[in-house]
N, C-alpha and C. Protein backbone atom coordinates (compact mmCIF):
# COMPACT_ATOMS: atom_id res chain seq x y z
N UNK A 1 -4.93 -107.27 101.38
CA UNK A 1 -4.16 -108.75 101.39
C UNK A 1 -3.90 -108.89 102.62
N UNK A 2 -3.95 -108.12 103.81
CA UNK A 2 -3.69 -108.80 105.11
C UNK A 2 -5.40 -109.32 105.33
N UNK A 3 -6.05 -108.77 105.23
CA UNK A 3 -7.38 -109.49 105.47
C UNK A 3 -7.68 -110.45 104.79
N UNK A 4 -7.49 -110.61 103.78
CA UNK A 4 -7.69 -111.88 102.86
C UNK A 4 -6.93 -113.34 103.65
N UNK A 5 -5.49 -113.11 104.05
CA UNK A 5 -4.67 -113.65 104.62
C UNK A 5 -5.34 -114.09 106.57
N UNK A 6 -5.72 -113.39 106.92
CA UNK A 6 -6.65 -113.80 108.12
C UNK A 6 -7.90 -114.25 108.49
N UNK A 7 -8.52 -113.86 107.49
CA UNK A 7 -9.41 -115.17 107.05
C UNK A 7 -9.62 -116.15 106.85
N UNK A 8 -8.54 -116.43 106.07
CA UNK A 8 -7.66 -117.60 104.89
C UNK A 8 -7.38 -118.37 106.25
N UNK A 9 -6.58 -118.07 107.03
CA UNK A 9 -5.44 -118.78 108.60
C UNK A 9 -7.04 -118.95 109.51
N UNK A 10 -8.13 -118.20 109.48
CA UNK A 10 -9.22 -118.38 110.30
C UNK A 10 -10.26 -119.57 110.13
N UNK A 11 -9.99 -119.93 108.63
CA UNK A 11 -11.15 -120.91 107.94
C UNK A 11 -10.20 -122.05 108.31
N UNK A 12 -8.95 -121.92 107.75
CA UNK A 12 -8.16 -123.00 108.24
C UNK A 12 -7.89 -123.48 109.61
N UNK A 13 -7.55 -122.51 110.36
CA UNK A 13 -7.23 -123.36 111.68
C UNK A 13 -8.48 -123.53 112.57
N UNK A 14 -9.75 -123.03 111.85
CA UNK A 14 -10.74 -123.37 112.77
C UNK A 14 -11.36 -125.21 112.77
N UNK A 15 -10.69 -125.56 111.45
CA UNK A 15 -11.48 -126.84 111.11
C UNK A 15 -9.91 -128.14 110.93
N UNK A 16 -9.20 -127.20 111.15
CA UNK A 16 -7.82 -128.08 111.42
C UNK A 16 -7.15 -128.52 109.92
N UNK A 17 -7.51 -127.79 109.00
CA UNK A 17 -7.15 -128.16 107.60
C UNK A 17 -5.73 -127.71 107.28
N UNK A 18 -5.35 -129.16 106.72
CA UNK A 18 -3.88 -128.73 106.74
C UNK A 18 -3.44 -127.51 105.51
N UNK A 19 -2.42 -127.31 105.47
CA UNK A 19 -1.53 -126.04 104.44
C UNK A 19 -1.77 -126.62 103.26
N UNK A 20 -1.26 -127.74 103.12
CA UNK A 20 -1.64 -128.34 101.67
C UNK A 20 -2.86 -128.05 100.90
N UNK A 21 -3.76 -127.41 101.76
CA UNK A 21 -5.20 -126.76 100.87
C UNK A 21 -5.19 -125.51 101.16
N UNK A 22 -4.18 -124.85 101.05
CA UNK A 22 -4.35 -123.41 101.29
C UNK A 22 -5.04 -122.61 100.40
N UNK A 23 -4.38 -123.27 98.91
CA UNK A 23 -5.29 -122.35 97.92
C UNK A 23 -6.93 -122.49 97.67
N UNK A 24 -7.73 -123.52 98.23
CA UNK A 24 -8.87 -123.60 98.56
C UNK A 24 -9.53 -122.90 99.86
N UNK A 25 -8.61 -122.68 100.78
CA UNK A 25 -8.66 -121.41 101.96
C UNK A 25 -9.12 -120.13 101.30
N UNK A 26 -8.16 -119.76 100.11
CA UNK A 26 -8.12 -118.65 99.87
C UNK A 26 -9.27 -118.39 99.05
N UNK A 27 -9.47 -118.99 98.00
CA UNK A 27 -11.06 -119.13 97.10
C UNK A 27 -11.98 -119.04 98.35
N UNK A 28 -12.40 -119.67 99.21
CA UNK A 28 -13.53 -119.40 99.98
C UNK A 28 -13.23 -118.23 100.66
N UNK A 29 -12.04 -117.91 101.22
CA UNK A 29 -11.74 -116.52 101.94
C UNK A 29 -12.27 -115.32 100.94
N UNK A 30 -12.27 -115.51 99.98
CA UNK A 30 -12.11 -114.22 98.81
C UNK A 30 -13.99 -114.06 98.81
N UNK A 31 -14.65 -115.50 98.36
CA UNK A 31 -15.67 -115.65 98.24
C UNK A 31 -16.80 -114.85 99.27
N UNK A 32 -16.21 -115.18 100.80
CA UNK A 32 -17.14 -114.78 101.48
C UNK A 32 -17.06 -113.07 101.78
N UNK A 33 -15.49 -112.94 101.75
CA UNK A 33 -14.99 -111.18 102.04
C UNK A 33 -15.90 -110.41 101.15
N UNK A 34 -16.00 -110.93 99.83
CA UNK A 34 -16.81 -110.38 98.61
C UNK A 34 -17.99 -109.50 99.03
N UNK A 35 -18.69 -110.99 99.88
CA UNK A 35 -20.22 -111.21 100.34
C UNK A 35 -20.56 -110.65 101.54
N UNK A 36 -19.60 -109.54 102.40
CA UNK A 36 -19.75 -108.99 103.09
C UNK A 36 -19.75 -107.50 103.45
N UNK A 37 -20.36 -106.92 104.17
CA UNK A 37 -20.18 -105.69 103.91
C UNK A 37 -18.83 -105.11 104.30
N UNK A 38 -18.37 -104.02 103.63
CA UNK A 38 -17.21 -103.50 103.64
C UNK A 38 -17.40 -101.90 104.28
N UNK A 39 -16.68 -101.53 105.26
CA UNK A 39 -16.37 -99.86 105.31
C UNK A 39 -15.76 -99.27 104.16
N UNK A 40 -14.97 -99.73 103.45
CA UNK A 40 -14.65 -99.14 102.20
C UNK A 40 -15.52 -98.44 101.21
N UNK A 41 -16.63 -99.48 101.44
CA UNK A 41 -17.71 -98.93 100.60
C UNK A 41 -19.08 -98.60 101.22
N UNK A 42 -18.84 -98.22 102.33
CA UNK A 42 -19.75 -97.64 103.25
C UNK A 42 -20.92 -98.33 103.35
N UNK A 43 -20.24 -99.70 103.93
CA UNK A 43 -21.33 -100.53 104.69
C UNK A 43 -21.97 -101.57 103.37
N UNK A 44 -21.82 -100.98 101.93
CA UNK A 44 -22.10 -101.86 101.11
C UNK A 44 -21.54 -103.37 101.04
N UNK A 45 -21.87 -104.17 100.11
CA UNK A 45 -21.62 -105.37 99.76
C UNK A 45 -20.94 -105.22 98.58
N UNK A 46 -19.80 -105.52 98.75
CA UNK A 46 -19.08 -105.54 97.21
C UNK A 46 -19.61 -106.47 96.02
N UNK A 47 -19.68 -107.78 96.55
CA UNK A 47 -20.65 -108.19 95.30
C UNK A 47 -21.90 -107.90 94.72
N UNK A 48 -22.80 -107.16 95.82
CA UNK A 48 -23.70 -106.22 95.55
C UNK A 48 -23.94 -104.99 94.74
N UNK A 49 -22.56 -104.60 94.58
CA UNK A 49 -22.33 -103.55 93.90
C UNK A 49 -21.72 -103.50 92.68
N UNK A 50 -21.29 -104.83 92.54
CA UNK A 50 -20.70 -105.20 91.24
C UNK A 50 -22.10 -105.87 89.87
N UNK A 51 -22.88 -106.87 91.50
CA UNK A 51 -24.32 -107.53 90.55
C UNK A 51 -25.09 -107.35 91.28
N UNK A 52 -25.87 -105.75 90.88
CA UNK A 52 -26.61 -105.59 92.08
C UNK A 52 -27.99 -106.53 91.98
N UNK A 53 -28.01 -107.16 90.80
CA UNK A 53 -29.74 -107.97 90.46
C UNK A 53 -29.22 -109.59 90.95
N UNK A 54 -28.08 -110.14 91.20
CA UNK A 54 -27.69 -111.14 91.46
C UNK A 54 -28.08 -111.45 92.81
N UNK A 55 -27.96 -112.71 93.33
CA UNK A 55 -28.33 -113.36 94.38
C UNK A 55 -26.60 -113.48 95.61
N UNK A 56 -26.71 -112.78 96.75
CA UNK A 56 -25.50 -113.12 97.32
C UNK A 56 -24.84 -114.33 97.03
N UNK A 57 -25.44 -115.54 97.77
CA UNK A 57 -25.37 -117.22 97.60
C UNK A 57 -26.70 -118.07 96.79
N UNK A 58 -25.58 -118.50 95.76
CA UNK A 58 -26.76 -119.17 94.80
C UNK A 58 -27.19 -120.75 96.03
N UNK A 59 -26.47 -120.90 96.65
CA UNK A 59 -26.41 -121.92 97.87
C UNK A 59 -26.43 -121.71 99.06
N UNK A 60 -26.79 -122.37 100.04
CA UNK A 60 -26.28 -121.55 101.22
C UNK A 60 -24.95 -122.16 102.04
N UNK A 61 -24.18 -120.76 102.28
CA UNK A 61 -23.19 -121.05 102.80
C UNK A 61 -23.21 -122.34 103.82
N UNK A 62 -21.54 -123.11 104.09
CA UNK A 62 -21.81 -123.82 104.57
C UNK A 62 -20.26 -123.42 105.93
N UNK A 63 -19.79 -124.75 106.76
CA UNK A 63 -18.99 -124.58 106.75
C UNK A 63 -17.44 -125.04 106.37
N UNK A 64 -16.81 -123.93 106.52
CA UNK A 64 -15.19 -124.77 105.61
C UNK A 64 -14.84 -125.62 106.15
N UNK A 65 -14.56 -127.07 105.59
CA UNK A 65 -13.34 -127.93 106.15
C UNK A 65 -13.94 -128.95 106.80
N UNK A 66 -15.65 -128.72 106.93
CA UNK A 66 -16.38 -130.04 107.63
C UNK A 66 -16.49 -130.89 106.33
N UNK A 67 -17.18 -132.43 107.06
CA UNK A 67 -17.09 -133.57 106.25
C UNK A 67 -18.89 -133.27 105.37
N UNK A 68 -18.70 -133.29 104.35
CA UNK A 68 -19.83 -133.65 103.52
C UNK A 68 -19.95 -134.83 102.89
N UNK A 69 -20.91 -135.43 102.11
CA UNK A 69 -21.26 -136.60 101.54
C UNK A 69 -21.59 -136.18 100.05
N UNK A 70 -21.29 -136.39 99.27
CA UNK A 70 -21.50 -135.69 97.67
C UNK A 70 -22.43 -137.06 97.25
N UNK A 71 -23.79 -137.13 97.07
CA UNK A 71 -24.67 -138.10 96.44
C UNK A 71 -24.16 -138.43 95.12
N UNK A 72 -24.10 -139.72 94.66
CA UNK A 72 -23.86 -140.41 93.90
C UNK A 72 -25.06 -140.95 92.64
N UNK A 73 -25.17 -139.95 91.56
CA UNK A 73 -26.25 -140.28 90.71
C UNK A 73 -25.75 -140.81 89.36
N UNK A 74 -25.43 -142.29 89.34
CA UNK A 74 -24.65 -142.34 87.66
C UNK A 74 -25.31 -144.00 87.33
N UNK A 75 -24.97 -144.22 85.96
CA UNK A 75 -25.67 -145.22 85.41
C UNK A 75 -24.43 -145.98 86.05
N UNK A 76 -24.54 -147.56 85.82
CA UNK A 76 -23.92 -148.25 85.99
C UNK A 76 -23.53 -148.65 87.31
N UNK A 77 -24.41 -148.26 88.52
CA UNK A 77 -24.41 -148.51 89.75
C UNK A 77 -25.41 -149.35 90.03
N UNK A 78 -25.00 -150.65 91.05
CA UNK A 78 -26.21 -151.67 91.55
C UNK A 78 -26.85 -151.10 92.58
N UNK A 79 -27.68 -152.29 93.12
CA UNK A 79 -28.09 -151.96 94.59
C UNK A 79 -27.41 -151.64 95.88
N UNK A 80 -26.36 -151.99 95.41
CA UNK A 80 -25.55 -152.25 96.96
C UNK A 80 -24.46 -151.35 96.91
N UNK A 81 -24.12 -150.69 95.70
CA UNK A 81 -23.34 -149.53 95.38
C UNK A 81 -23.08 -148.29 96.58
N UNK A 82 -22.28 -147.75 97.01
CA UNK A 82 -22.35 -146.67 97.87
C UNK A 82 -23.30 -145.59 96.91
N UNK A 83 -23.85 -144.72 98.06
CA UNK A 83 -24.84 -143.86 97.56
C UNK A 83 -24.64 -142.41 97.29
N UNK A 84 -23.02 -142.33 98.17
CA UNK A 84 -22.01 -141.03 98.47
C UNK A 84 -20.96 -140.92 98.95
N UNK A 85 -20.19 -140.27 98.66
CA UNK A 85 -18.55 -140.46 98.70
C UNK A 85 -18.63 -139.40 100.11
N UNK A 86 -17.49 -139.66 100.95
CA UNK A 86 -17.16 -138.62 102.12
C UNK A 86 -16.43 -138.05 101.81
N UNK A 87 -16.46 -136.50 101.71
CA UNK A 87 -15.63 -135.46 100.96
C UNK A 87 -14.93 -134.50 102.39
N UNK A 88 -14.01 -133.58 101.84
CA UNK A 88 -14.14 -132.61 102.69
C UNK A 88 -14.89 -130.96 101.84
N UNK A 89 -15.41 -130.50 102.58
CA UNK A 89 -16.08 -129.24 102.33
C UNK A 89 -14.88 -127.83 101.74
N UNK A 90 -15.19 -127.36 100.84
CA UNK A 90 -13.92 -126.78 100.56
C UNK A 90 -14.65 -125.31 99.82
N UNK A 91 -16.06 -124.78 99.88
CA UNK A 91 -16.56 -123.79 99.76
C UNK A 91 -17.43 -124.16 98.46
N UNK A 92 -18.18 -122.97 97.99
CA UNK A 92 -19.13 -122.73 96.73
C UNK A 92 -17.89 -122.37 95.71
N UNK A 93 -18.72 -123.19 94.58
CA UNK A 93 -18.36 -123.07 93.05
C UNK A 93 -18.27 -121.11 92.93
N UNK A 94 -17.04 -120.77 91.89
CA UNK A 94 -17.23 -119.61 91.63
C UNK A 94 -17.58 -120.12 89.86
N UNK A 95 -17.82 -121.09 89.63
CA UNK A 95 -18.18 -120.93 88.12
C UNK A 95 -19.12 -121.63 88.07
N UNK A 96 -19.96 -121.93 88.63
CA UNK A 96 -21.46 -122.94 88.42
C UNK A 96 -22.08 -123.48 89.86
N UNK A 97 -23.62 -123.49 89.65
CA UNK A 97 -24.31 -123.71 91.04
C UNK A 97 -23.83 -124.71 91.74
N UNK A 98 -23.09 -124.98 93.18
CA UNK A 98 -22.27 -125.91 93.60
C UNK A 98 -21.57 -125.91 94.30
N UNK A 99 -21.40 -126.75 95.25
CA UNK A 99 -20.23 -127.01 96.29
C UNK A 99 -19.14 -127.63 95.97
N UNK A 100 -18.18 -127.03 96.21
CA UNK A 100 -16.18 -127.67 95.75
C UNK A 100 -16.25 -128.71 97.20
N UNK A 101 -15.83 -129.86 96.71
CA UNK A 101 -15.61 -131.00 97.38
C UNK A 101 -14.72 -131.94 96.72
N UNK A 102 -13.99 -132.59 98.14
CA UNK A 102 -12.97 -133.26 97.83
C UNK A 102 -12.81 -134.23 98.50
N UNK A 103 -12.69 -135.74 98.09
CA UNK A 103 -12.24 -137.10 99.11
C UNK A 103 -10.58 -137.21 98.70
N UNK A 104 -9.87 -136.90 99.68
CA UNK A 104 -8.58 -137.37 99.46
C UNK A 104 -8.42 -138.68 99.03
N UNK A 105 -9.22 -139.47 99.25
CA UNK A 105 -8.94 -140.81 99.25
C UNK A 105 -8.63 -141.19 97.41
N UNK A 106 -9.77 -140.15 97.02
CA UNK A 106 -9.65 -140.28 95.31
C UNK A 106 -8.97 -139.23 94.57
N UNK A 107 -8.62 -138.29 95.08
CA UNK A 107 -7.94 -137.52 94.72
C UNK A 107 -8.37 -136.73 93.11
N UNK A 108 -9.38 -136.69 93.57
CA UNK A 108 -10.57 -135.97 92.48
C UNK A 108 -11.72 -134.86 93.33
N UNK A 109 -11.67 -133.75 92.60
CA UNK A 109 -12.80 -132.51 92.63
C UNK A 109 -14.02 -133.12 92.28
N UNK A 110 -15.30 -132.51 93.02
CA UNK A 110 -16.55 -132.79 92.56
C UNK A 110 -16.87 -131.38 93.01
N UNK A 111 -17.92 -130.62 92.05
CA UNK A 111 -18.90 -129.74 92.06
C UNK A 111 -20.26 -130.40 92.23
N UNK A 112 -20.63 -130.09 93.38
CA UNK A 112 -21.94 -130.67 93.40
C UNK A 112 -23.15 -129.67 94.05
N UNK A 113 -24.27 -129.91 93.67
CA UNK A 113 -25.55 -129.11 94.42
C UNK A 113 -26.12 -130.24 95.46
N UNK A 114 -26.03 -131.73 95.35
CA UNK A 114 -26.61 -132.51 95.70
C UNK A 114 -25.75 -132.77 97.00
N UNK A 115 -25.82 -132.01 97.95
CA UNK A 115 -24.84 -133.06 99.18
C UNK A 115 -25.28 -132.48 100.27
N UNK A 116 -24.73 -133.73 101.02
CA UNK A 116 -25.38 -133.45 102.56
C UNK A 116 -23.98 -132.93 103.64
N UNK A 117 -24.47 -132.66 104.66
CA UNK A 117 -23.31 -131.67 105.21
C UNK A 117 -23.46 -132.28 106.64
N UNK A 118 -22.47 -132.30 107.55
CA UNK A 118 -22.34 -132.39 108.25
C UNK A 118 -21.60 -131.59 109.06
N UNK A 119 -22.01 -130.37 109.57
CA UNK A 119 -20.71 -128.67 109.75
C UNK A 119 -20.54 -129.34 111.69
N UNK A 120 -21.12 -130.16 112.05
CA UNK A 120 -20.61 -129.93 113.43
C UNK A 120 -19.18 -131.32 113.46
N UNK A 121 -18.91 -131.58 112.69
CA UNK A 121 -17.48 -132.47 112.72
C UNK A 121 -16.18 -131.95 111.49
N UNK A 122 -15.39 -132.00 112.08
CA UNK A 122 -13.97 -131.59 110.95
C UNK A 122 -13.56 -132.92 110.14
N UNK A 123 -13.19 -132.61 108.65
CA UNK A 123 -12.73 -133.72 107.88
C UNK A 123 -11.68 -134.23 108.49
N UNK A 124 -10.61 -133.38 109.13
CA UNK A 124 -9.27 -133.10 109.33
C UNK A 124 -9.49 -133.45 111.07
N UNK A 125 -8.84 -134.53 111.73
CA UNK A 125 -8.33 -134.35 112.91
C UNK A 125 -7.40 -133.62 113.82
N UNK A 126 -7.19 -133.07 115.38
CA UNK A 126 -6.16 -131.80 114.73
C UNK A 126 -4.96 -132.89 114.91
N UNK A 127 -4.90 -134.15 114.93
CA UNK A 127 -3.36 -134.03 114.82
C UNK A 127 -2.73 -134.83 113.70
N UNK A 128 -3.83 -134.54 112.43
CA UNK A 128 -3.48 -134.81 111.30
C UNK A 128 -2.87 -133.76 111.29
N UNK A 129 -3.58 -132.32 111.12
CA UNK A 129 -3.04 -131.00 110.81
C UNK A 129 -1.42 -131.26 110.26
N UNK A 130 -1.03 -130.22 109.64
CA UNK A 130 0.11 -130.32 109.16
C UNK A 130 0.71 -129.19 109.62
N UNK A 131 0.05 -127.99 110.55
CA UNK A 131 0.34 -126.58 110.88
C UNK A 131 1.33 -127.47 112.21
N UNK A 132 2.40 -127.07 112.46
CA UNK A 132 3.33 -126.89 113.37
C UNK A 132 2.03 -125.65 114.52
N UNK A 133 1.52 -124.69 113.96
CA UNK A 133 1.19 -123.58 114.87
C UNK A 133 -0.38 -123.67 115.58
N UNK A 134 -0.76 -125.19 115.43
CA UNK A 134 -1.86 -125.41 115.63
C UNK A 134 -2.19 -125.22 117.53
N UNK A 135 -1.41 -124.68 118.02
CA UNK A 135 -1.81 -124.50 119.21
C UNK A 135 -0.92 -123.12 119.49
N UNK A 136 -2.08 -122.06 120.47
CA UNK A 136 -1.35 -120.55 120.57
C UNK A 136 -0.88 -120.31 121.57
N UNK A 137 -0.03 -119.61 121.51
CA UNK A 137 0.65 -119.76 122.85
C UNK A 137 0.54 -117.67 123.30
N UNK A 138 0.52 -117.41 124.24
CA UNK A 138 0.38 -116.22 124.13
C UNK A 138 1.49 -115.04 124.39
N UNK A 139 1.31 -113.79 123.71
CA UNK A 139 2.59 -113.20 123.96
C UNK A 139 3.28 -112.86 125.36
N UNK A 140 2.38 -112.56 126.22
CA UNK A 140 2.59 -111.76 127.27
C UNK A 140 1.98 -113.32 128.31
N UNK A 141 2.54 -113.40 129.64
CA UNK A 141 1.87 -114.35 130.25
C UNK A 141 0.33 -113.65 131.25
N UNK A 142 -0.48 -114.55 131.13
CA UNK A 142 -1.52 -114.00 131.93
C UNK A 142 -1.17 -112.98 133.28
N UNK A 143 -2.13 -111.93 133.42
CA UNK A 143 -2.12 -111.50 134.74
C UNK A 143 -3.37 -111.22 135.21
N UNK A 144 -3.50 -111.63 136.50
CA UNK A 144 -4.68 -111.64 137.49
C UNK A 144 -5.15 -110.42 137.17
N UNK A 145 -6.17 -109.68 137.26
CA UNK A 145 -6.87 -108.71 137.40
C UNK A 145 -6.59 -108.12 138.87
N UNK A 146 -6.05 -108.66 139.89
CA UNK A 146 -6.32 -108.22 141.60
C UNK A 146 -4.78 -108.35 141.53
N UNK A 147 -3.92 -108.61 141.64
CA UNK A 147 -2.67 -108.74 141.32
C UNK A 147 -2.06 -107.86 140.29
N UNK A 148 -1.04 -107.12 140.75
CA UNK A 148 -0.32 -106.44 139.73
C UNK A 148 0.57 -107.12 139.60
N UNK A 149 1.29 -106.61 138.12
CA UNK A 149 2.20 -107.38 137.51
C UNK A 149 3.54 -107.57 138.36
N UNK A 150 4.22 -108.57 138.48
CA UNK A 150 5.09 -108.99 139.39
C UNK A 150 6.59 -108.16 138.71
N UNK A 151 6.69 -108.04 137.41
CA UNK A 151 7.63 -107.30 136.96
C UNK A 151 6.87 -106.84 135.86
N UNK A 152 7.65 -105.14 135.68
CA UNK A 152 7.00 -104.14 135.04
C UNK A 152 7.32 -104.59 133.26
N UNK A 153 6.46 -104.59 132.58
CA UNK A 153 6.89 -104.75 131.09
C UNK A 153 8.12 -103.54 130.85
N UNK A 154 8.80 -104.05 129.70
CA UNK A 154 9.82 -103.63 129.11
C UNK A 154 9.51 -103.75 127.69
N UNK A 155 9.92 -102.19 127.03
CA UNK A 155 9.51 -102.40 125.63
C UNK A 155 11.09 -101.63 124.80
N UNK A 156 11.39 -102.57 123.82
CA UNK A 156 12.04 -102.24 123.28
C UNK A 156 11.92 -101.62 121.78
N UNK A 157 13.10 -100.50 121.90
CA UNK A 157 12.73 -100.10 120.42
C UNK A 157 14.25 -100.01 119.55
N UNK A 158 14.12 -100.10 118.03
CA UNK A 158 14.99 -100.64 117.39
C UNK A 158 15.34 -99.08 117.17
N UNK A 159 16.66 -98.58 117.92
CA UNK A 159 16.99 -97.07 117.18
C UNK A 159 18.21 -97.25 115.97
N UNK A 160 18.21 -96.44 115.56
CA UNK A 160 18.79 -95.98 113.95
C UNK A 160 19.91 -95.47 114.61
N UNK A 161 21.20 -96.26 114.05
CA UNK A 161 22.40 -95.90 114.47
C UNK A 161 22.89 -94.34 113.61
N UNK A 162 23.67 -93.34 114.54
CA UNK A 162 23.89 -92.24 114.15
C UNK A 162 24.62 -92.40 112.89
N UNK A 163 24.61 -91.24 111.64
CA UNK A 163 25.30 -91.23 110.59
C UNK A 163 26.89 -91.31 111.30
N UNK A 164 27.68 -92.24 110.63
CA UNK A 164 29.09 -92.18 110.74
C UNK A 164 29.84 -90.92 110.26
N UNK A 165 30.49 -89.99 110.97
CA UNK A 165 31.34 -88.69 110.36
C UNK A 165 32.27 -89.33 109.59
N UNK A 166 32.57 -88.87 108.61
CA UNK A 166 33.97 -89.18 107.91
C UNK A 166 34.71 -88.05 107.56
N UNK A 167 35.89 -87.93 107.68
CA UNK A 167 36.80 -86.34 107.77
C UNK A 167 36.91 -86.66 106.27
N UNK A 168 36.90 -85.22 105.50
CA UNK A 168 37.61 -85.77 103.67
C UNK A 168 38.51 -84.75 104.03
N UNK A 169 39.76 -85.28 103.02
CA UNK A 169 41.22 -84.67 103.11
C UNK A 169 40.81 -83.13 102.15
N UNK A 170 41.23 -82.14 102.53
CA UNK A 170 41.19 -80.95 101.64
C UNK A 170 42.56 -80.63 101.17
């Protein structure tokens, strides 16, 4: 569970994806973890252990949260209509061969294999992200390797209280 949450956080923070899309990040993290070697399985990949003849990826993996354009191929559009919709990439589909894409302006999810990616660009800007923890603050101040620390580190331990002795009347 901890590993799943850590990968989820890394996916979200890397491309500034807001917390409201946490479920998409968890699905993508699970999809990726199941396709990476596991020390618990002696270096084997969980997906290949369960499905030895299936390919790891039906489509090449892409960067979670990047800008993508889903191509529109449908009747009823003329020459001047847009040929694609700008979306945010949310991972590979678990149910069919395709990528999960979402245009926040339309509030509709697409699963398509006909997608163009701009993996160098995040759909969300750092200022739009609703995460308050977007800046990392070190727990300890940086220490120069040349100078010794000015003040020794203090470690606080929580001590258990000694049991209270109660006298029982005889």
